[in-house]
Structures are given as structure tokens and as C-alpha cells.
Amino acid sequence: MSSECPTEILPPDSMHLSAATGWMQLGNTDEALVDLDKISDQHRGHYEVLHIEWHIHAQRKAWERCAELGGYMVEQYPKSSAGWINQANSLFYLNRSHDAYQLLEPVAERFPKNEAIPYNLACYACQFGDIDLAFDWYLVAEKLGETEKIREVALSDPDMKQLWDKIGK
């Protein structure tokens, strides 16, 4: 896989990617992977292909594979927040919240307008029991995003349960 991916995925690979995306959205990850496997080596390392592959494996709860894909995305596309978030979330779902936090926290300042990063850091901190740190990150997410939307999501997120009283439930 090359880090020099073309910006546009050309047919027939674009059609295979579209089909894989459709199957994934329908919840049929087996068929999604069949179509993804039809994509040529020229486009296998393309950001969009990797991102869809991560989501397919996430639906399958194949977190080890997701962590690998997230790591590859970080390596090939370090200026994109998605790879960092994907890799950290994979670690989180592998019950490695501390590792997820340690991966994502240093890059938070690289993506100062992305509310998903502080929100995820709050989730991770909740899971390893640092409620004050979790609340601090939650407040950052709230400032960056739409306050009511962030609050609504947090109050329905079981990973944030330890913050519900502080948030206002």
C-alpha cells in the first residue's frame, strides 16, 4: 500500500467502494468485505477505503483489526483526525482506555476545532476513573461543539455515566 494515493478512486474501484459502503450501511459486513477485497492494490491504501474498512470491522467488533487500520491511517494520514480517533476508539473497545487516552491526548492541540477528540478523552478518563479530568475534557468538547447536542449525547452515553450528575441529569 502506498502513501501516495490518488485523490480520486477511479472505476471499477470506486464502484466496489460504493458497494462495500452500501453493504456496510445495510449491516451486511460479509458482503461489504467481499466488495472491499475487489479494490485494486492501487487504491487499497486510499484514505476512504481505509476509513470504510475500519467501520466495517467496527461493526463486526473486530477491534484488533480496527486498531491496526487506525494505526495505518495515522501513519499514512497524520493530518487527519479520523485515524487518531479510530485507533484510540479501537484501544478503548479493547478495554485499554489508558492507552487510548495516551494516544489521543497529545494530538488534541493539532485538531483544536474537533469536539470529538475532547469528548472521547472524557469517555476514556471516565473509564479509568479520573472524573475531574473527564469533566474538564467534557467542558472542552461542549465549548467546541453545540452545547446542547454534546450534553444530550453525553447524557445518553453509558461511557459517560460517571459524569451525568455533573452534567445535569
C-alpha atoms as a PDB file:
ATOM      1  CA  MET A   1       0.000   0.000   0.000  1.00  0.00           C
ATOM      2  CA  SER A   2       1.344   3.346  -0.948  1.00  0.00           C
ATOM      3  CA  SER A   3       1.030   6.581   0.981  1.00  0.00           C
ATOM      4  CA  GLU A   4       0.880   8.280  -2.417  1.00  0.00           C
ATOM      5  CA  CYS A   5      -2.798   7.545  -3.015  1.00  0.00           C
ATOM      6  CA  PRO A   6      -4.582   9.294  -5.836  1.00  0.00           C
ATOM      7  CA  THR A   7      -7.122  11.814  -4.629  1.00  0.00           C
ATOM      8  CA  GLU A   8      -9.853  10.179  -6.677  1.00  0.00           C
ATOM      9  CA  ILE A   9     -10.702   6.496  -6.729  1.00  0.00           C
ATOM     10  CA  LEU A  10     -11.441   5.529 -10.309  1.00  0.00           C
ATOM     11  CA  PRO A  11     -13.801   2.821 -11.607  1.00  0.00           C
ATOM     12  CA  PRO A  12     -14.091  -0.050 -11.105  1.00  0.00           C
ATOM     13  CA  ASP A  13     -12.605   0.505  -7.628  1.00  0.00           C
ATOM     14  CA  SER A  14     -14.949   3.413  -6.923  1.00  0.00           C
ATOM     15  CA  MET A  15     -17.882   1.093  -7.634  1.00  0.00           C
ATOM     16  CA  HIS A  16     -16.509  -1.590  -5.311  1.00  0.00           C
ATOM     17  CA  LEU A  17     -16.058   1.038  -2.585  1.00  0.00           C
ATOM     18  CA  SER A  18     -19.607   2.276  -3.119  1.00  0.00           C
ATOM     19  CA  ALA A  19     -20.959  -1.276  -2.956  1.00  0.00           C
ATOM     20  CA  ALA A  20     -18.942  -2.016   0.202  1.00  0.00           C
ATOM     21  CA  THR A  21     -20.310   1.160   1.779  1.00  0.00           C
ATOM     22  CA  GLY A  22     -23.858   0.188   0.864  1.00  0.00           C
ATOM     23  CA  TRP A  23     -23.489  -3.312   2.293  1.00  0.00           C
ATOM     24  CA  MET A  24     -21.983  -1.864   5.469  1.00  0.00           C
ATOM     25  CA  GLN A  25     -24.892   0.553   5.841  1.00  0.00           C
ATOM     26  CA  LEU A  26     -27.274  -2.374   5.448  1.00  0.00           C
ATOM     27  CA  GLY A  27     -25.402  -4.234   8.187  1.00  0.00           C
ATOM     28  CA  ASN A  28     -24.063  -6.953   5.884  1.00  0.00           C
ATOM     29  CA  THR A  29     -20.376  -6.806   6.734  1.00  0.00           C
ATOM     30  CA  ASP A  30     -19.577 -10.104   4.991  1.00  0.00           C
ATOM     31  CA  GLU A  31     -20.698  -8.735   1.619  1.00  0.00           C
ATOM     32  CA  ALA A  32     -19.051  -5.396   2.397  1.00  0.00           C
ATOM     33  CA  LEU A  33     -15.707  -7.149   2.842  1.00  0.00           C
ATOM     34  CA  VAL A  34     -16.213  -9.135  -0.377  1.00  0.00           C
ATOM     35  CA  ASP A  35     -16.597  -5.880  -2.317  1.00  0.00           C
ATOM     36  CA  LEU A  36     -13.761  -4.214  -0.433  1.00  0.00           C
ATOM     37  CA  ASP A  37     -11.474  -7.122  -1.365  1.00  0.00           C
ATOM     38  CA  LYS A  38     -12.174  -6.404  -5.042  1.00  0.00           C
ATOM     39  CA  ILE A  39     -10.475  -2.994  -4.778  1.00  0.00           C
ATOM     40  CA  SER A  40      -7.093  -2.986  -6.523  1.00  0.00           C
ATOM     41  CA  ASP A  41      -3.805  -2.610  -4.675  1.00  0.00           C
ATOM     42  CA  GLN A  42      -3.505   0.842  -6.256  1.00  0.00           C
ATOM     43  CA  HIS A  43      -6.388   2.098  -4.094  1.00  0.00           C
ATOM     44  CA  ARG A  44      -6.234  -0.203  -1.027  1.00  0.00           C
ATOM     45  CA  GLY A  45      -4.307   2.390   0.961  1.00  0.00           C
ATOM     46  CA  HIS A  46      -6.593   5.250  -0.026  1.00  0.00           C
ATOM     47  CA  TYR A  47      -7.972   7.151   2.933  1.00  0.00           C
ATOM     48  CA  GLU A  48     -11.630   6.494   2.025  1.00  0.00           C
ATOM     49  CA  VAL A  49     -11.015   2.756   1.604  1.00  0.00           C
ATOM     50  CA  LEU A  50      -9.233   2.512   4.962  1.00  0.00           C
ATOM     51  CA  HIS A  51     -11.946   4.532   6.678  1.00  0.00           C
ATOM     52  CA  ILE A  52     -14.746   2.314   5.350  1.00  0.00           C
ATOM     53  CA  GLU A  53     -12.755  -0.815   6.185  1.00  0.00           C
ATOM     54  CA  TRP A  54     -12.345   0.460   9.758  1.00  0.00           C
ATOM     55  CA  HIS A  55     -16.116   0.982  10.054  1.00  0.00           C
ATOM     56  CA  ILE A  56     -16.872  -2.463   8.635  1.00  0.00           C
ATOM     57  CA  HIS A  57     -14.577  -4.108  11.181  1.00  0.00           C
ATOM     58  CA  ALA A  58     -16.006  -1.886  13.937  1.00  0.00           C
ATOM     59  CA  GLN A  59     -19.486  -3.210  13.135  1.00  0.00           C
ATOM     60  CA  ARG A  60     -18.015  -6.699  13.490  1.00  0.00           C
ATOM     61  CA  LYS A  61     -16.385  -5.652  16.781  1.00  0.00           C
ATOM     62  CA  ALA A  62     -13.032  -6.783  15.358  1.00  0.00           C
ATOM     63  CA  TRP A  63     -11.173  -4.267  17.499  1.00  0.00           C
ATOM     64  CA  GLU A  64      -7.674  -5.691  16.970  1.00  0.00           C
ATOM     65  CA  ARG A  65      -8.087  -5.233  13.210  1.00  0.00           C
ATOM     66  CA  CYS A  66      -9.571  -1.784  13.812  1.00  0.00           C
ATOM     67  CA  ALA A  67      -6.534  -0.824  15.904  1.00  0.00           C
ATOM     68  CA  GLU A  68      -4.246  -1.950  13.058  1.00  0.00           C
ATOM     69  CA  LEU A  69      -6.231   0.026  10.489  1.00  0.00           C
ATOM     70  CA  GLY A  70      -6.339   3.097  12.731  1.00  0.00           C
ATOM     71  CA  GLY A  71      -2.577   2.867  13.209  1.00  0.00           C
ATOM     72  CA  TYR A  72      -2.054   2.632   9.475  1.00  0.00           C
ATOM     73  CA  MET A  73      -4.327   5.643   8.929  1.00  0.00           C
ATOM     74  CA  VAL A  74      -2.307   7.625  11.496  1.00  0.00           C
ATOM     75  CA  GLU A  75       0.928   6.607   9.785  1.00  0.00           C
ATOM     76  CA  GLN A  76      -0.258   7.443   6.264  1.00  0.00           C
ATOM     77  CA  TYR A  77      -2.573  10.388   7.017  1.00  0.00           C
ATOM     78  CA  PRO A  78      -1.330  12.012  10.253  1.00  0.00           C
ATOM     79  CA  LYS A  79      -3.035  15.317   9.417  1.00  0.00           C
ATOM     80  CA  SER A  80      -6.461  13.681   9.529  1.00  0.00           C
ATOM     81  CA  SER A  81      -8.126  13.381  12.919  1.00  0.00           C
ATOM     82  CA  ALA A  82     -10.117  10.286  11.870  1.00  0.00           C
ATOM     83  CA  GLY A  83      -7.167   7.908  12.030  1.00  0.00           C
ATOM     84  CA  TRP A  84      -6.222   9.094  15.503  1.00  0.00           C
ATOM     85  CA  ILE A  85      -9.813   8.839  16.727  1.00  0.00           C
ATOM     86  CA  ASN A  86     -10.309   5.437  15.084  1.00  0.00           C
ATOM     87  CA  GLN A  87      -7.148   3.994  16.596  1.00  0.00           C
ATOM     88  CA  ALA A  88      -7.912   5.411  20.052  1.00  0.00           C
ATOM     89  CA  ASN A  89     -11.501   4.135  19.966  1.00  0.00           C
ATOM     90  CA  SER A  90     -10.223   0.704  18.956  1.00  0.00           C
ATOM     91  CA  LEU A  91      -7.961   0.650  22.010  1.00  0.00           C
ATOM     92  CA  PHE A  92     -10.859   1.825  24.157  1.00  0.00           C
ATOM     93  CA  TYR A  93     -13.049  -1.056  22.959  1.00  0.00           C
ATOM     94  CA  LEU A  94     -10.177  -3.433  23.697  1.00  0.00           C
ATOM     95  CA  ASN A  95     -10.532  -2.240  27.329  1.00  0.00           C
ATOM     96  CA  ARG A  96      -7.358  -0.189  27.046  1.00  0.00           C
ATOM     97  CA  SER A  97      -8.753   3.231  27.986  1.00  0.00           C
ATOM     98  CA  HIS A  98      -5.446   4.450  29.391  1.00  0.00           C
ATOM     99  CA  ASP A  99      -3.678   3.592  26.125  1.00  0.00           C
ATOM    100  CA  ALA A 100      -6.467   5.258  24.151  1.00  0.00           C
ATOM    101  CA  TYR A 101      -6.101   8.386  26.275  1.00  0.00           C
ATOM    102  CA  GLN A 102      -2.310   8.422  25.940  1.00  0.00           C
ATOM    103  CA  LEU A 103      -2.582   8.111  22.161  1.00  0.00           C
ATOM    104  CA  LEU A 104      -5.207  10.812  21.644  1.00  0.00           C
ATOM    105  CA  GLU A 105      -4.379  13.422  24.290  1.00  0.00           C
ATOM    106  CA  PRO A 106      -1.079  14.607  22.730  1.00  0.00           C
ATOM    107  CA  VAL A 107      -2.775  15.282  19.380  1.00  0.00           C
ATOM    108  CA  ALA A 108      -5.739  17.220  20.787  1.00  0.00           C
ATOM    109  CA  GLU A 109      -3.983  20.523  20.122  1.00  0.00           C
ATOM    110  CA  ARG A 110      -3.409  19.537  16.460  1.00  0.00           C
ATOM    111  CA  PHE A 111      -7.170  19.449  15.940  1.00  0.00           C
ATOM    112  CA  PRO A 112      -8.370  22.349  18.114  1.00  0.00           C
ATOM    113  CA  LYS A 113     -11.815  22.588  16.485  1.00  0.00           C
ATOM    114  CA  ASN A 114     -12.734  18.892  16.628  1.00  0.00           C
ATOM    115  CA  GLU A 115     -15.103  18.327  19.562  1.00  0.00           C
ATOM    116  CA  ALA A 116     -14.933  14.533  19.117  1.00  0.00           C
ATOM    117  CA  ILE A 117     -11.388  14.437  20.483  1.00  0.00           C
ATOM    118  CA  PRO A 118     -12.072  16.057  23.878  1.00  0.00           C
ATOM    119  CA  TYR A 119     -15.356  14.152  24.085  1.00  0.00           C
ATOM    120  CA  ASN A 120     -13.546  10.849  23.567  1.00  0.00           C
ATOM    121  CA  LEU A 121     -10.840  11.863  26.043  1.00  0.00           C
ATOM    122  CA  ALA A 122     -13.618  12.484  28.580  1.00  0.00           C
ATOM    123  CA  CYS A 123     -15.013   8.987  27.904  1.00  0.00           C
ATOM    124  CA  TYR A 124     -11.606   7.386  28.326  1.00  0.00           C
ATOM    125  CA  ALA A 125     -10.902   9.290  31.557  1.00  0.00           C
ATOM    126  CA  CYS A 126     -14.286   8.190  32.932  1.00  0.00           C
ATOM    127  CA  GLN A 127     -13.372   4.591  32.271  1.00  0.00           C
ATOM    128  CA  PHE A 128     -10.075   4.774  34.111  1.00  0.00           C
ATOM    129  CA  GLY A 129     -11.720   6.663  36.961  1.00  0.00           C
ATOM    130  CA  ASP A 130     -10.346  10.210  36.724  1.00  0.00           C
ATOM    131  CA  ILE A 131     -13.681  12.017  36.933  1.00  0.00           C
ATOM    132  CA  ASP A 132     -12.206  15.515  37.327  1.00  0.00           C
ATOM    133  CA  LEU A 133     -10.086  15.046  34.205  1.00  0.00           C
ATOM    134  CA  ALA A 134     -13.084  13.591  32.379  1.00  0.00           C
ATOM    135  CA  PHE A 135     -15.240  16.587  33.289  1.00  0.00           C
ATOM    136  CA  ASP A 136     -12.527  19.023  32.184  1.00  0.00           C
ATOM    137  CA  TRP A 137     -12.405  17.345  28.754  1.00  0.00           C
ATOM    138  CA  TYR A 138     -16.193  17.235  28.581  1.00  0.00           C
ATOM    139  CA  LEU A 139     -16.280  21.024  29.102  1.00  0.00           C
ATOM    140  CA  VAL A 140     -13.770  21.486  26.270  1.00  0.00           C
ATOM    141  CA  ALA A 141     -15.969  19.373  23.975  1.00  0.00           C
ATOM    142  CA  GLU A 142     -19.016  21.388  24.998  1.00  0.00           C
ATOM    143  CA  LYS A 143     -17.240  24.668  24.147  1.00  0.00           C
ATOM    144  CA  LEU A 144     -16.132  23.386  20.745  1.00  0.00           C
ATOM    145  CA  GLY A 145     -19.404  21.812  19.681  1.00  0.00           C
ATOM    146  CA  GLU A 146     -23.054  22.598  20.011  1.00  0.00           C
ATOM    147  CA  THR A 147     -23.513  22.666  23.777  1.00  0.00           C
ATOM    148  CA  GLU A 148     -26.981  21.128  23.888  1.00  0.00           C
ATOM    149  CA  LYS A 149     -26.122  18.426  21.374  1.00  0.00           C
ATOM    150  CA  ILE A 150     -22.938  17.460  23.273  1.00  0.00           C
ATOM    151  CA  ARG A 151     -24.882  17.408  26.534  1.00  0.00           C
ATOM    152  CA  GLU A 152     -27.668  15.275  25.037  1.00  0.00           C
ATOM    153  CA  VAL A 153     -25.175  12.760  23.632  1.00  0.00           C
ATOM    154  CA  ALA A 154     -23.227  12.611  26.898  1.00  0.00           C
ATOM    155  CA  LEU A 155     -26.358  12.079  28.978  1.00  0.00           C
ATOM    156  CA  SER A 156     -27.271   9.049  26.877  1.00  0.00           C
ATOM    157  CA  ASP A 157     -23.738   7.655  26.665  1.00  0.00           C
ATOM    158  CA  PRO A 158     -23.140   4.878  29.216  1.00  0.00           C
ATOM    159  CA  ASP A 159     -19.387   5.538  28.952  1.00  0.00           C
ATOM    160  CA  MET A 160     -20.064   8.987  30.453  1.00  0.00           C
ATOM    161  CA  LYS A 161     -22.371   7.757  33.224  1.00  0.00           C
ATOM    162  CA  GLN A 162     -19.964   8.848  35.949  1.00  0.00           C
ATOM    163  CA  LEU A 163     -20.362  12.444  34.722  1.00  0.00           C
ATOM    164  CA  TRP A 164     -24.141  12.519  34.448  1.00  0.00           C
ATOM    165  CA  ASP A 165     -24.647  14.237  37.824  1.00  0.00           C
ATOM    166  CA  LYS A 166     -22.061  16.912  36.984  1.00  0.00           C
ATOM    167  CA  ILE A 167     -23.524  17.434  33.513  1.00  0.00           C
ATOM    168  CA  GLY A 168     -27.010  17.832  34.850  1.00  0.00           C
ATOM    169  CA  LYS A 169     -29.021  14.627  34.678  1.00  0.00           C
END
